[in-house]
């Protein structure tokens, strides 16, 4: 039971980190349309 909770937590954390990364990249593209990333 605890293992499932732990994996769910890890997956949520990875999803959160990934979305933060995507947001950062989008922000950079919005502020610097000329630069690639």
C-alpha atoms as a PDB file:
ATOM      1  CA  UNK A   1       0.000   0.000   0.000  1.00  0.00           C
ATOM      2  CA  UNK A   2       2.781   2.450   0.930  1.00  0.00           C
ATOM      3  CA  UNK A   3       4.732   1.599  -2.215  1.00  0.00           C
ATOM      4  CA  UNK A   4       1.802   2.618  -4.416  1.00  0.00           C
ATOM      5  CA  UNK A   5       1.509   5.907  -2.545  1.00  0.00           C
ATOM      6  CA  UNK A   6       5.232   6.494  -2.997  1.00  0.00           C
ATOM      7  CA  UNK A   7       5.180   5.822  -6.746  1.00  0.00           C
ATOM      8  CA  UNK A   8       2.147   8.056  -7.162  1.00  0.00           C
ATOM      9  CA  UNK A   9       3.995  10.804  -5.297  1.00  0.00           C
ATOM     10  CA  UNK A  10       7.077  10.355  -7.496  1.00  0.00           C
ATOM     11  CA  UNK A  11       4.973  10.460 -10.680  1.00  0.00           C
ATOM     12  CA  UNK A  12       3.217  13.627  -9.511  1.00  0.00           C
ATOM     13  CA  UNK A  13       6.571  15.192  -8.658  1.00  0.00           C
ATOM     14  CA  UNK A  14       8.005  14.343 -12.098  1.00  0.00           C
ATOM     15  CA  UNK A  15       4.894  15.738 -13.811  1.00  0.00           C
ATOM     16  CA  UNK A  16       5.195  18.920 -11.749  1.00  0.00           C
ATOM     17  CA  UNK A  17       8.887  19.294 -12.577  1.00  0.00           C
ATOM     18  CA  UNK A  18       8.222  18.658 -16.259  1.00  0.00           C
ATOM     19  CA  UNK A  19       5.460  21.259 -16.390  1.00  0.00           C
ATOM     20  CA  UNK A  20       7.742  23.770 -14.653  1.00  0.00           C
ATOM     21  CA  UNK A  21      10.407  23.071 -17.295  1.00  0.00           C
ATOM     22  CA  UNK A  22       7.901  23.530 -20.117  1.00  0.00           C
ATOM     23  CA  UNK A  23       6.660  26.782 -18.587  1.00  0.00           C
ATOM     24  CA  UNK A  24      10.222  28.058 -18.296  1.00  0.00           C
ATOM     25  CA  UNK A  25      10.941  27.223 -21.934  1.00  0.00           C
ATOM     26  CA  UNK A  26       7.701  28.903 -23.024  1.00  0.00           C
ATOM     27  CA  UNK A  27       8.567  31.984 -20.966  1.00  0.00           C
ATOM     28  CA  UNK A  28      11.990  32.213 -22.595  1.00  0.00           C
ATOM     29  CA  UNK A  29      10.427  31.868 -26.055  1.00  0.00           C
ATOM     30  CA  UNK A  30       7.879  34.578 -25.245  1.00  0.00           C
ATOM     31  CA  UNK A  31      10.515  36.985 -23.952  1.00  0.00           C
ATOM     32  CA  UNK A  32      13.131  36.103 -26.590  1.00  0.00           C
ATOM     33  CA  UNK A  33      11.318  35.030 -29.785  1.00  0.00           C
ATOM     34  CA  UNK A  34      14.639  35.198 -31.644  1.00  0.00           C
ATOM     35  CA  UNK A  35      16.405  32.600 -29.480  1.00  0.00           C
ATOM     36  CA  UNK A  36      15.680  28.902 -30.051  1.00  0.00           C
ATOM     37  CA  UNK A  37      15.527  27.818 -26.360  1.00  0.00           C
END
